[in-house]
Every structure is written in structure tokens, then in C-alpha cells.
Amino acid sequence: MAGIARVVVDAWRATFAGLLPEDFLKGMSYRHQEQRHSRYLGHAGVVYYVAEDEKGEVVGFASGGPSRHSGFPQEAEVYALYLLPGYQRRKIGSALFAEVARDLGDMEHKGLLALALENNPNKVFYERLRGRPAATGPLTLGETAIGQIAYVWDDLPALIESLRGYAE
């Protein structure tokens, strides 16, 4: 879990520098993220995939499972998809997303959603995968409310088919 925690904190700090409150980003901790992801990993129906560099260091990961948002009809959710900056735009994220989507489809889920902060410069990733943007409420980070966008796919089997070639 240490590698996953490092990716979360380092990716957020790099991606959201100047876009989110500095005190929030500085307050993120590896220990907290390690504990958080250890808890998720133990839940039924939750899947994790990691990407490693040539030294075996975790450089990215994706996770997903049953939707945590009752306001959406999609039964499955991509919880997280993070890559260290030096590993972005190399199709690694697409491969991780495809693996998570495939596993969620194998669990008989029909629809999928993923949430992104409105000011996330990488949200175009979900748009390229033809995720349909849907309104959702803000997320409170520290003492700041930040807008979110839910990207939804109503036909998970069709999405999985479109990702064939990314998943191994």
C-alpha cells in the first residue's frame, strides 16, 4: 500500500498545485492514504490494479467497485486512477482503466461512473473515453468546496469492448 499512497499524494500535489488550497495539498499524508486504501482493498467487489516501473516501483494505479453514489443509476464506479506525472500520456492510464472496467463488467455491472474535480486538467481522459458528463455535487477538501463532474457510461459491456487492446 505504500506505493499506492505515494502515487496518490505525489500525483495530487503535482496535478493540483495552484488549483487547490496549498494547505490542503501539504496536509495530505502517505500514512493516511495507506490506511484509506488498505480499508478499501478489504471490501467485497473492490478491485485494484497497479502499474510499476522497471524497478518494481508503483507509478500508478486504478481502483473500482460498487458505486458509492446512490444518485446515479450506474452500479459500478472507478474510485481512483492516478499516475505519477512522468508516466502520464503513455497509455498506462487507459490500460489500468480497462482492467478495472473489465473486472467490474465480469461482476455483471451494467453501467459505470467516475468522478473528477472540475478543475482537474486530466479530466479530458474520461472525455476521450466517451464518458458522458453529468452534474453532481461539490466535494469538500479541507474547508473548500470544489466542483465535481461525474462521467458516466450506461453500457459497460460496450465500453469494455471499445477498450479491447488496452487490457491484458
N, C-alpha and C. Protein backbone atom coordinates (compact mmCIF):
# COMPACT_ATOMS: atom_id res chain seq x y z
N MET A 1 0.81 -1.21 0.00
CA MET A 1 0.00 0.00 0.00
C MET A 1 0.85 1.27 0.00
N ALA A 2 2.09 1.15 0.41
CA ALA A 2 2.94 2.35 0.47
C ALA A 2 3.11 2.97 -0.92
N GLY A 3 3.26 2.14 -1.94
CA GLY A 3 3.42 2.66 -3.30
C GLY A 3 2.18 3.38 -3.79
N ILE A 4 1.01 2.81 -3.49
CA ILE A 4 -0.25 3.45 -3.87
C ILE A 4 -0.40 4.78 -3.15
N ALA A 5 -0.09 4.80 -1.86
CA ALA A 5 -0.20 6.04 -1.08
C ALA A 5 0.72 7.12 -1.65
N ARG A 6 1.92 6.73 -2.02
CA ARG A 6 2.87 7.69 -2.60
C ARG A 6 2.34 8.26 -3.91
N VAL A 7 1.76 7.41 -4.74
CA VAL A 7 1.21 7.87 -6.02
C VAL A 7 0.07 8.86 -5.78
N VAL A 8 -0.84 8.56 -4.86
CA VAL A 8 -1.96 9.46 -4.59
C VAL A 8 -1.45 10.84 -4.19
N VAL A 9 -0.62 10.88 -3.17
CA VAL A 9 -0.16 12.17 -2.63
C VAL A 9 0.67 12.92 -3.66
N ASP A 10 1.63 12.26 -4.27
CA ASP A 10 2.51 12.93 -5.21
C ASP A 10 1.76 13.39 -6.47
N ALA A 11 0.82 12.57 -6.95
CA ALA A 11 0.05 12.94 -8.13
C ALA A 11 -0.86 14.14 -7.83
N TRP A 12 -1.52 14.13 -6.68
CA TRP A 12 -2.37 15.27 -6.31
C TRP A 12 -1.55 16.54 -6.18
N ARG A 13 -0.43 16.46 -5.51
CA ARG A 13 0.39 17.66 -5.32
C ARG A 13 0.89 18.22 -6.64
N ALA A 14 1.26 17.34 -7.56
CA ALA A 14 1.75 17.81 -8.85
C ALA A 14 0.60 18.33 -9.73
N THR A 15 -0.49 17.61 -9.76
CA THR A 15 -1.61 17.96 -10.64
C THR A 15 -2.35 19.21 -10.18
N PHE A 16 -2.54 19.34 -8.87
CA PHE A 16 -3.40 20.40 -8.36
C PHE A 16 -2.67 21.57 -7.73
N ALA A 17 -1.35 21.64 -7.89
CA ALA A 17 -0.60 22.80 -7.39
C ALA A 17 -1.15 24.06 -8.05
N GLY A 18 -1.56 25.01 -7.25
CA GLY A 18 -2.13 26.25 -7.76
C GLY A 18 -3.62 26.15 -8.09
N LEU A 19 -4.18 24.95 -8.05
CA LEU A 19 -5.60 24.75 -8.36
C LEU A 19 -6.42 24.43 -7.12
N LEU A 20 -5.77 23.87 -6.10
CA LEU A 20 -6.41 23.57 -4.82
C LEU A 20 -5.65 24.30 -3.72
N PRO A 21 -6.30 24.51 -2.58
CA PRO A 21 -5.61 25.21 -1.49
C PRO A 21 -4.29 24.52 -1.12
N GLU A 22 -3.25 25.33 -1.01
CA GLU A 22 -1.91 24.81 -0.70
C GLU A 22 -1.89 24.06 0.62
N ASP A 23 -2.62 24.56 1.63
CA ASP A 23 -2.62 23.88 2.93
C ASP A 23 -3.26 22.50 2.84
N PHE A 24 -4.25 22.32 1.97
CA PHE A 24 -4.85 21.01 1.79
C PHE A 24 -3.83 20.05 1.19
N LEU A 25 -3.14 20.49 0.13
CA LEU A 25 -2.16 19.62 -0.52
C LEU A 25 -1.00 19.28 0.41
N LYS A 26 -0.53 20.25 1.16
CA LYS A 26 0.56 19.99 2.11
C LYS A 26 0.12 19.05 3.22
N GLY A 27 -1.17 19.10 3.56
CA GLY A 27 -1.69 18.27 4.63
C GLY A 27 -1.94 16.82 4.24
N MET A 28 -1.86 16.50 2.96
CA MET A 28 -2.04 15.11 2.54
C MET A 28 -0.88 14.28 3.08
N SER A 29 -1.19 13.08 3.54
CA SER A 29 -0.12 12.26 4.10
C SER A 29 -0.12 10.86 3.49
N TYR A 30 1.07 10.32 3.35
CA TYR A 30 1.23 8.96 2.86
C TYR A 30 0.54 7.98 3.82
N ARG A 31 0.71 8.20 5.09
CA ARG A 31 0.15 7.28 6.09
C ARG A 31 -1.38 7.22 5.99
N HIS A 32 -2.01 8.39 5.89
CA HIS A 32 -3.47 8.42 5.78
C HIS A 32 -3.93 7.68 4.52
N GLN A 33 -3.26 7.93 3.40
CA GLN A 33 -3.65 7.27 2.15
C GLN A 33 -3.42 5.76 2.22
N GLU A 34 -2.35 5.36 2.87
CA GLU A 34 -2.08 3.93 3.03
C GLU A 34 -3.22 3.27 3.82
N GLN A 35 -3.63 3.91 4.90
CA GLN A 35 -4.73 3.37 5.72
C GLN A 35 -6.03 3.35 4.94
N ARG A 36 -6.30 4.42 4.23
CA ARG A 36 -7.53 4.54 3.45
C ARG A 36 -7.64 3.43 2.41
N HIS A 37 -6.58 3.22 1.65
CA HIS A 37 -6.62 2.22 0.59
C HIS A 37 -6.56 0.80 1.16
N SER A 38 -5.95 0.61 2.29
CA SER A 38 -5.98 -0.71 2.94
C SER A 38 -7.40 -1.08 3.31
N ARG A 39 -8.18 -0.11 3.76
CA ARG A 39 -9.60 -0.36 4.10
C ARG A 39 -10.40 -0.72 2.85
N TYR A 40 -10.23 0.03 1.77
CA TYR A 40 -10.98 -0.24 0.55
C TYR A 40 -10.66 -1.62 -0.01
N LEU A 41 -9.39 -1.98 0.04
CA LEU A 41 -8.95 -3.25 -0.54
C LEU A 41 -9.66 -4.43 0.10
N GLY A 42 -10.10 -4.29 1.32
CA GLY A 42 -10.76 -5.38 2.01
C GLY A 42 -12.25 -5.52 1.71
N HIS A 43 -12.83 -4.61 0.94
CA HIS A 43 -14.27 -4.66 0.65
C HIS A 43 -14.58 -5.60 -0.51
N ALA A 44 -15.69 -6.30 -0.39
CA ALA A 44 -16.13 -7.20 -1.46
C ALA A 44 -16.40 -6.41 -2.74
N GLY A 45 -15.97 -6.96 -3.86
CA GLY A 45 -16.24 -6.35 -5.15
C GLY A 45 -15.32 -5.21 -5.53
N VAL A 46 -14.33 -4.91 -4.70
CA VAL A 46 -13.39 -3.83 -4.99
C VAL A 46 -12.15 -4.42 -5.67
N VAL A 47 -11.72 -3.78 -6.75
CA VAL A 47 -10.55 -4.24 -7.49
C VAL A 47 -9.50 -3.13 -7.56
N TYR A 48 -8.26 -3.54 -7.56
CA TYR A 48 -7.11 -2.63 -7.68
C TYR A 48 -6.17 -3.20 -8.73
N TYR A 49 -5.60 -2.32 -9.53
CA TYR A 49 -4.52 -2.66 -10.44
C TYR A 49 -3.43 -1.62 -10.28
N VAL A 50 -2.19 -2.05 -10.31
CA VAL A 50 -1.07 -1.12 -10.21
C VAL A 50 -0.19 -1.24 -11.45
N ALA A 51 0.48 -0.14 -11.75
CA ALA A 51 1.49 -0.11 -12.80
C ALA A 51 2.82 0.14 -12.11
N GLU A 52 3.83 -0.61 -12.53
CA GLU A 52 5.15 -0.49 -11.93
C GLU A 52 6.18 -0.13 -12.99
N ASP A 53 7.23 0.55 -12.56
CA ASP A 53 8.33 0.84 -13.46
C ASP A 53 9.26 -0.37 -13.52
N GLU A 54 10.36 -0.22 -14.24
CA GLU A 54 11.30 -1.33 -14.43
C GLU A 54 11.96 -1.79 -13.13
N LYS A 55 11.93 -0.95 -12.09
CA LYS A 55 12.50 -1.30 -10.78
C LYS A 55 11.47 -1.92 -9.85
N GLY A 56 10.22 -2.02 -10.30
CA GLY A 56 9.16 -2.57 -9.47
C GLY A 56 8.50 -1.54 -8.56
N GLU A 57 8.78 -0.26 -8.79
CA GLU A 57 8.15 0.81 -8.01
C GLU A 57 6.77 1.14 -8.60
N VAL A 58 5.79 1.33 -7.75
CA VAL A 58 4.44 1.68 -8.21
C VAL A 58 4.47 3.10 -8.77
N VAL A 59 4.01 3.24 -10.02
CA VAL A 59 3.96 4.55 -10.67
C VAL A 59 2.54 4.99 -10.98
N GLY A 60 1.59 4.08 -10.75
CA GLY A 60 0.19 4.41 -10.98
C GLY A 60 -0.69 3.28 -10.51
N PHE A 61 -1.98 3.59 -10.38
CA PHE A 61 -2.94 2.56 -10.01
C PHE A 61 -4.33 3.02 -10.37
N ALA A 62 -5.23 2.06 -10.41
CA ALA A 62 -6.65 2.32 -10.58
C ALA A 62 -7.40 1.37 -9.67
N SER A 63 -8.53 1.86 -9.16
CA SER A 63 -9.38 1.01 -8.33
C SER A 63 -10.83 1.28 -8.66
N GLY A 64 -11.67 0.32 -8.34
CA GLY A 64 -13.09 0.47 -8.59
C GLY A 64 -13.88 -0.58 -7.85
N GLY A 65 -15.18 -0.42 -7.91
CA GLY A 65 -16.07 -1.36 -7.23
C GLY A 65 -17.50 -0.89 -7.34
N PRO A 66 -18.35 -1.35 -6.42
CA PRO A 66 -19.74 -0.90 -6.43
C PRO A 66 -19.81 0.62 -6.26
N SER A 67 -20.76 1.23 -6.95
CA SER A 67 -20.90 2.69 -6.87
C SER A 67 -21.17 3.12 -5.43
N ARG A 68 -20.55 4.23 -5.07
CA ARG A 68 -20.76 4.83 -3.75
C ARG A 68 -21.75 5.99 -3.83
N HIS A 69 -22.40 6.17 -5.00
CA HIS A 69 -23.26 7.33 -5.24
C HIS A 69 -24.65 6.89 -5.64
N SER A 70 -25.57 6.94 -4.70
CA SER A 70 -26.93 6.46 -4.95
C SER A 70 -27.71 7.33 -5.93
N GLY A 71 -27.25 8.52 -6.21
CA GLY A 71 -27.95 9.41 -7.13
C GLY A 71 -27.75 9.06 -8.60
N PHE A 72 -26.98 8.04 -8.88
CA PHE A 72 -26.71 7.63 -10.25
C PHE A 72 -27.17 6.19 -10.46
N PRO A 73 -27.72 5.89 -11.63
CA PRO A 73 -28.17 4.51 -11.87
C PRO A 73 -27.03 3.53 -12.16
N GLN A 74 -25.85 4.03 -12.48
CA GLN A 74 -24.72 3.15 -12.77
C GLN A 74 -24.33 2.41 -11.49
N GLU A 75 -24.17 1.09 -11.59
CA GLU A 75 -23.92 0.27 -10.41
C GLU A 75 -22.45 0.22 -10.02
N ALA A 76 -21.56 0.54 -10.93
CA ALA A 76 -20.12 0.42 -10.68
C ALA A 76 -19.45 1.78 -10.80
N GLU A 77 -18.29 1.88 -10.16
CA GLU A 77 -17.57 3.16 -10.14
C GLU A 77 -16.06 2.92 -10.20
N VAL A 78 -15.39 3.74 -10.98
CA VAL A 78 -13.94 3.82 -10.90
C VAL A 78 -13.66 4.78 -9.76
N TYR A 79 -13.08 4.28 -8.68
CA TYR A 79 -12.83 5.12 -7.49
C TYR A 79 -11.63 6.03 -7.68
N ALA A 80 -10.60 5.50 -8.28
CA ALA A 80 -9.35 6.27 -8.40
C ALA A 80 -8.59 5.82 -9.63
N LEU A 81 -7.91 6.75 -10.24
CA LEU A 81 -7.00 6.47 -11.35
C LEU A 81 -5.92 7.55 -11.30
N TYR A 82 -4.76 7.16 -10.82
CA TYR A 82 -3.67 8.12 -10.63
C TYR A 82 -2.37 7.58 -11.20
N LEU A 83 -1.63 8.47 -11.83
CA LEU A 83 -0.29 8.16 -12.34
C LEU A 83 0.64 9.28 -11.93
N LEU A 84 1.87 8.92 -11.61
CA LEU A 84 2.87 9.95 -11.38
C LEU A 84 3.04 10.73 -12.67
N PRO A 85 3.32 12.03 -12.59
CA PRO A 85 3.38 12.86 -13.80
C PRO A 85 4.27 12.31 -14.92
N GLY A 86 5.40 11.76 -14.60
CA GLY A 86 6.30 11.25 -15.64
C GLY A 86 5.78 10.04 -16.39
N TYR A 87 4.68 9.46 -15.94
CA TYR A 87 4.12 8.26 -16.55
C TYR A 87 2.76 8.52 -17.22
N GLN A 88 2.33 9.76 -17.22
CA GLN A 88 1.08 10.11 -17.86
C GLN A 88 1.27 10.21 -19.37
N ARG A 89 0.17 10.04 -20.07
CA ARG A 89 0.13 10.13 -21.54
C ARG A 89 1.01 9.08 -22.22
N ARG A 90 1.03 7.89 -21.61
CA ARG A 90 1.77 6.75 -22.19
C ARG A 90 0.86 5.54 -22.36
N LYS A 91 -0.44 5.73 -22.27
CA LYS A 91 -1.45 4.68 -22.38
C LYS A 91 -1.52 3.79 -21.14
N ILE A 92 -0.77 4.10 -20.10
CA ILE A 92 -0.81 3.32 -18.86
C ILE A 92 -2.16 3.50 -18.18
N GLY A 93 -2.65 4.74 -18.12
CA GLY A 93 -3.95 5.01 -17.52
C GLY A 93 -5.07 4.29 -18.25
N SER A 94 -4.99 4.26 -19.57
CA SER A 94 -6.00 3.55 -20.36
C SER A 94 -5.99 2.06 -20.05
N ALA A 95 -4.81 1.50 -19.90
CA ALA A 95 -4.70 0.07 -19.58
C ALA A 95 -5.25 -0.21 -18.19
N LEU A 96 -4.93 0.64 -17.22
CA LEU A 96 -5.45 0.45 -15.86
C LEU A 96 -6.97 0.58 -15.84
N PHE A 97 -7.49 1.61 -16.51
CA PHE A 97 -8.93 1.82 -16.59
C PHE A 97 -9.61 0.60 -17.22
N ALA A 98 -9.03 0.09 -18.29
CA ALA A 98 -9.60 -1.06 -19.00
C ALA A 98 -9.66 -2.29 -18.09
N GLU A 99 -8.61 -2.52 -17.32
CA GLU A 99 -8.59 -3.67 -16.40
C GLU A 99 -9.69 -3.56 -15.36
N VAL A 100 -9.82 -2.38 -14.75
CA VAL A 100 -10.85 -2.18 -13.74
C VAL A 100 -12.23 -2.34 -14.36
N ALA A 101 -12.46 -1.72 -15.52
CA ALA A 101 -13.76 -1.81 -16.19
C ALA A 101 -14.09 -3.26 -16.52
N ARG A 102 -13.11 -4.00 -17.01
CA ARG A 102 -13.35 -5.41 -17.36
C ARG A 102 -13.76 -6.21 -16.13
N ASP A 103 -13.04 -6.02 -15.03
CA ASP A 103 -13.39 -6.77 -13.81
C ASP A 103 -14.79 -6.40 -13.32
N LEU A 104 -15.13 -5.12 -13.38
CA LEU A 104 -16.46 -4.69 -12.94
C LEU A 104 -17.54 -5.24 -13.86
N GLY A 105 -17.25 -5.31 -15.14
CA GLY A 105 -18.19 -5.93 -16.08
C GLY A 105 -18.35 -7.42 -15.82
N ASP A 106 -17.25 -8.08 -15.46
CA ASP A 106 -17.31 -9.51 -15.13
C ASP A 106 -18.18 -9.76 -13.90
N MET A 107 -18.37 -8.73 -13.08
CA MET A 107 -19.23 -8.85 -11.89
C MET A 107 -20.70 -8.54 -12.23
N GLU A 108 -20.98 -8.46 -13.54
CA GLU A 108 -22.35 -8.25 -14.02
C GLU A 108 -22.86 -6.82 -13.86
N HIS A 109 -21.97 -5.85 -13.58
CA HIS A 109 -22.40 -4.46 -13.54
C HIS A 109 -22.69 -4.01 -14.97
N LYS A 110 -23.71 -3.20 -15.14
CA LYS A 110 -24.13 -2.75 -16.47
C LYS A 110 -23.65 -1.34 -16.81
N GLY A 111 -23.49 -0.48 -15.80
CA GLY A 111 -23.08 0.90 -16.04
C GLY A 111 -21.91 1.26 -15.14
N LEU A 112 -21.22 2.34 -15.50
CA LEU A 112 -20.01 2.75 -14.79
C LEU A 112 -20.00 4.27 -14.65
N LEU A 113 -19.45 4.75 -13.55
CA LEU A 113 -19.23 6.18 -13.39
C LEU A 113 -17.86 6.43 -12.79
N ALA A 114 -17.37 7.63 -13.03
CA ALA A 114 -16.09 8.09 -12.47
C ALA A 114 -16.25 9.58 -12.20
N LEU A 115 -15.81 10.01 -11.03
CA LEU A 115 -15.89 11.43 -10.67
C LEU A 115 -14.53 12.09 -10.82
N ALA A 116 -14.54 13.33 -11.27
CA ALA A 116 -13.33 14.12 -11.40
C ALA A 116 -13.62 15.53 -10.92
N LEU A 117 -12.62 16.17 -10.36
CA LEU A 117 -12.78 17.57 -9.98
C LEU A 117 -12.92 18.40 -11.25
N GLU A 118 -13.76 19.43 -11.19
CA GLU A 118 -13.98 20.28 -12.37
C GLU A 118 -12.69 20.93 -12.86
N ASN A 119 -11.77 21.22 -11.94
CA ASN A 119 -10.54 21.88 -12.34
C ASN A 119 -9.40 20.90 -12.59
N ASN A 120 -9.72 19.62 -12.71
CA ASN A 120 -8.69 18.62 -12.99
C ASN A 120 -8.26 18.73 -14.45
N PRO A 121 -7.00 19.07 -14.70
CA PRO A 121 -6.56 19.20 -16.08
C PRO A 121 -6.55 17.88 -16.84
N ASN A 122 -6.66 16.76 -16.13
CA ASN A 122 -6.63 15.45 -16.77
C ASN A 122 -8.02 14.86 -17.00
N LYS A 123 -9.08 15.61 -16.73
CA LYS A 123 -10.43 15.08 -16.91
C LYS A 123 -10.73 14.77 -18.37
N VAL A 124 -9.98 15.33 -19.28
CA VAL A 124 -10.16 15.04 -20.70
C VAL A 124 -9.96 13.54 -20.97
N PHE A 125 -9.25 12.85 -20.11
CA PHE A 125 -9.07 11.41 -20.22
C PHE A 125 -10.43 10.72 -20.32
N TYR A 126 -11.34 11.06 -19.40
CA TYR A 126 -12.67 10.45 -19.39
C TYR A 126 -13.50 10.88 -20.59
N GLU A 127 -13.27 12.10 -21.05
CA GLU A 127 -13.99 12.60 -22.22
C GLU A 127 -13.55 11.83 -23.47
N ARG A 128 -12.26 11.53 -23.57
CA ARG A 128 -11.76 10.76 -24.71
C ARG A 128 -12.33 9.34 -24.73
N LEU A 129 -12.65 8.84 -23.55
CA LEU A 129 -13.26 7.51 -23.46
C LEU A 129 -14.78 7.56 -23.63
N ARG A 130 -15.27 8.74 -24.03
CA ARG A 130 -16.69 8.99 -24.31
C ARG A 130 -17.57 8.91 -23.07
N GLY A 131 -16.99 9.25 -21.91
CA GLY A 131 -17.80 9.37 -20.71
C GLY A 131 -18.72 10.56 -20.86
N ARG A 132 -19.98 10.37 -20.54
CA ARG A 132 -20.97 11.44 -20.64
C ARG A 132 -20.96 12.24 -19.35
N PRO A 133 -20.67 13.55 -19.42
CA PRO A 133 -20.64 14.35 -18.18
C PRO A 133 -22.04 14.50 -17.60
N ALA A 134 -22.10 14.39 -16.29
CA ALA A 134 -23.37 14.55 -15.57
C ALA A 134 -23.09 15.40 -14.33
N ALA A 135 -24.05 16.19 -13.97
CA ALA A 135 -23.89 17.08 -12.82
C ALA A 135 -23.84 16.27 -11.53
N THR A 136 -23.07 16.75 -10.62
CA THR A 136 -23.02 16.16 -9.27
C THR A 136 -22.64 17.26 -8.30
N GLY A 137 -22.78 16.99 -7.04
CA GLY A 137 -22.48 18.00 -6.02
C GLY A 137 -21.00 18.20 -5.81
N PRO A 138 -20.64 19.26 -5.09
CA PRO A 138 -19.23 19.56 -4.84
C PRO A 138 -18.62 18.60 -3.82
N LEU A 139 -17.30 18.56 -3.82
CA LEU A 139 -16.52 17.80 -2.85
C LEU A 139 -15.84 18.80 -1.94
N THR A 140 -15.89 18.58 -0.65
CA THR A 140 -15.24 19.48 0.29
C THR A 140 -13.85 18.93 0.61
N LEU A 141 -12.85 19.72 0.30
CA LEU A 141 -11.45 19.38 0.57
C LEU A 141 -10.93 20.40 1.57
N GLY A 142 -10.67 19.92 2.79
CA GLY A 142 -10.32 20.86 3.84
C GLY A 142 -11.54 21.71 4.14
N GLU A 143 -11.41 22.99 3.91
CA GLU A 143 -12.55 23.89 4.13
C GLU A 143 -13.06 24.49 2.82
N THR A 144 -12.65 23.91 1.70
CA THR A 144 -13.01 24.45 0.40
C THR A 144 -13.89 23.46 -0.36
N ALA A 145 -15.00 23.94 -0.89
CA ALA A 145 -15.88 23.12 -1.74
C ALA A 145 -15.40 23.26 -3.18
N ILE A 146 -15.16 22.14 -3.82
CA ILE A 146 -14.67 22.11 -5.20
C ILE A 146 -15.70 21.37 -6.05
N GLY A 147 -16.04 21.92 -7.19
CA GLY A 147 -16.99 21.28 -8.09
C GLY A 147 -16.46 19.97 -8.63
N GLN A 148 -17.38 19.08 -8.90
CA GLN A 148 -17.04 17.78 -9.48
C GLN A 148 -17.86 17.55 -10.74
N ILE A 149 -17.39 16.66 -11.57
CA ILE A 149 -18.12 16.18 -12.73
C ILE A 149 -18.15 14.67 -12.63
N ALA A 150 -19.33 14.10 -12.82
CA ALA A 150 -19.44 12.65 -12.92
C ALA A 150 -19.43 12.30 -14.40
N TYR A 151 -18.56 11.39 -14.78
CA TYR A 151 -18.56 10.85 -16.14
C TYR A 151 -19.23 9.50 -16.06
N VAL A 152 -20.22 9.27 -16.94
CA VAL A 152 -21.00 8.05 -16.87
C VAL A 152 -20.97 7.31 -18.21
N TRP A 153 -21.01 6.00 -18.09
CA TRP A 153 -21.14 5.10 -19.22
C TRP A 153 -22.32 4.19 -18.88
N ASP A 154 -23.37 4.27 -19.68
CA ASP A 154 -24.56 3.48 -19.41
C ASP A 154 -24.41 2.03 -19.84
N ASP A 155 -23.52 1.77 -20.79
CA ASP A 155 -23.35 0.43 -21.34
C ASP A 155 -21.92 -0.04 -21.09
N LEU A 156 -21.69 -0.63 -19.91
CA LEU A 156 -20.35 -1.07 -19.55
C LEU A 156 -19.81 -2.13 -20.51
N PRO A 157 -20.61 -3.11 -20.94
CA PRO A 157 -20.05 -4.07 -21.92
C PRO A 157 -19.55 -3.40 -23.20
N ALA A 158 -20.25 -2.38 -23.70
CA ALA A 158 -19.79 -1.67 -24.90
C ALA A 158 -18.50 -0.90 -24.62
N LEU A 159 -18.40 -0.30 -23.44
CA LEU A 159 -17.18 0.40 -23.07
C LEU A 159 -16.01 -0.58 -23.03
N ILE A 160 -16.22 -1.72 -22.41
CA ILE A 160 -15.16 -2.73 -22.32
C ILE A 160 -14.72 -3.15 -23.72
N GLU A 161 -15.68 -3.35 -24.61
CA GLU A 161 -15.34 -3.73 -25.99
C GLU A 161 -14.50 -2.64 -26.65
N SER A 162 -14.84 -1.37 -26.40
CA SER A 162 -14.08 -0.27 -27.00
C SER A 162 -12.67 -0.17 -26.45
N LEU A 163 -12.45 -0.75 -25.27
CA LEU A 163 -11.13 -0.71 -24.64
C LEU A 163 -10.30 -1.95 -24.94
N ARG A 164 -10.87 -2.87 -25.72
CA ARG A 164 -10.12 -4.09 -26.05
C ARG A 164 -8.79 -3.71 -26.66
N GLY A 165 -7.76 -4.35 -26.25
CA GLY A 165 -6.43 -4.00 -26.71
C GLY A 165 -5.64 -3.27 -25.62
N TYR A 166 -6.33 -2.59 -24.70
CA TYR A 166 -5.65 -1.96 -23.58
C TYR A 166 -5.47 -2.93 -22.43
N ALA A 167 -6.53 -3.70 -22.13
CA ALA A 167 -6.45 -4.67 -21.02
C ALA A 167 -5.68 -5.89 -21.50
N GLU A 168 -4.88 -6.41 -20.60
CA GLU A 168 -4.07 -7.59 -20.96
C GLU A 168 -4.81 -8.87 -20.65
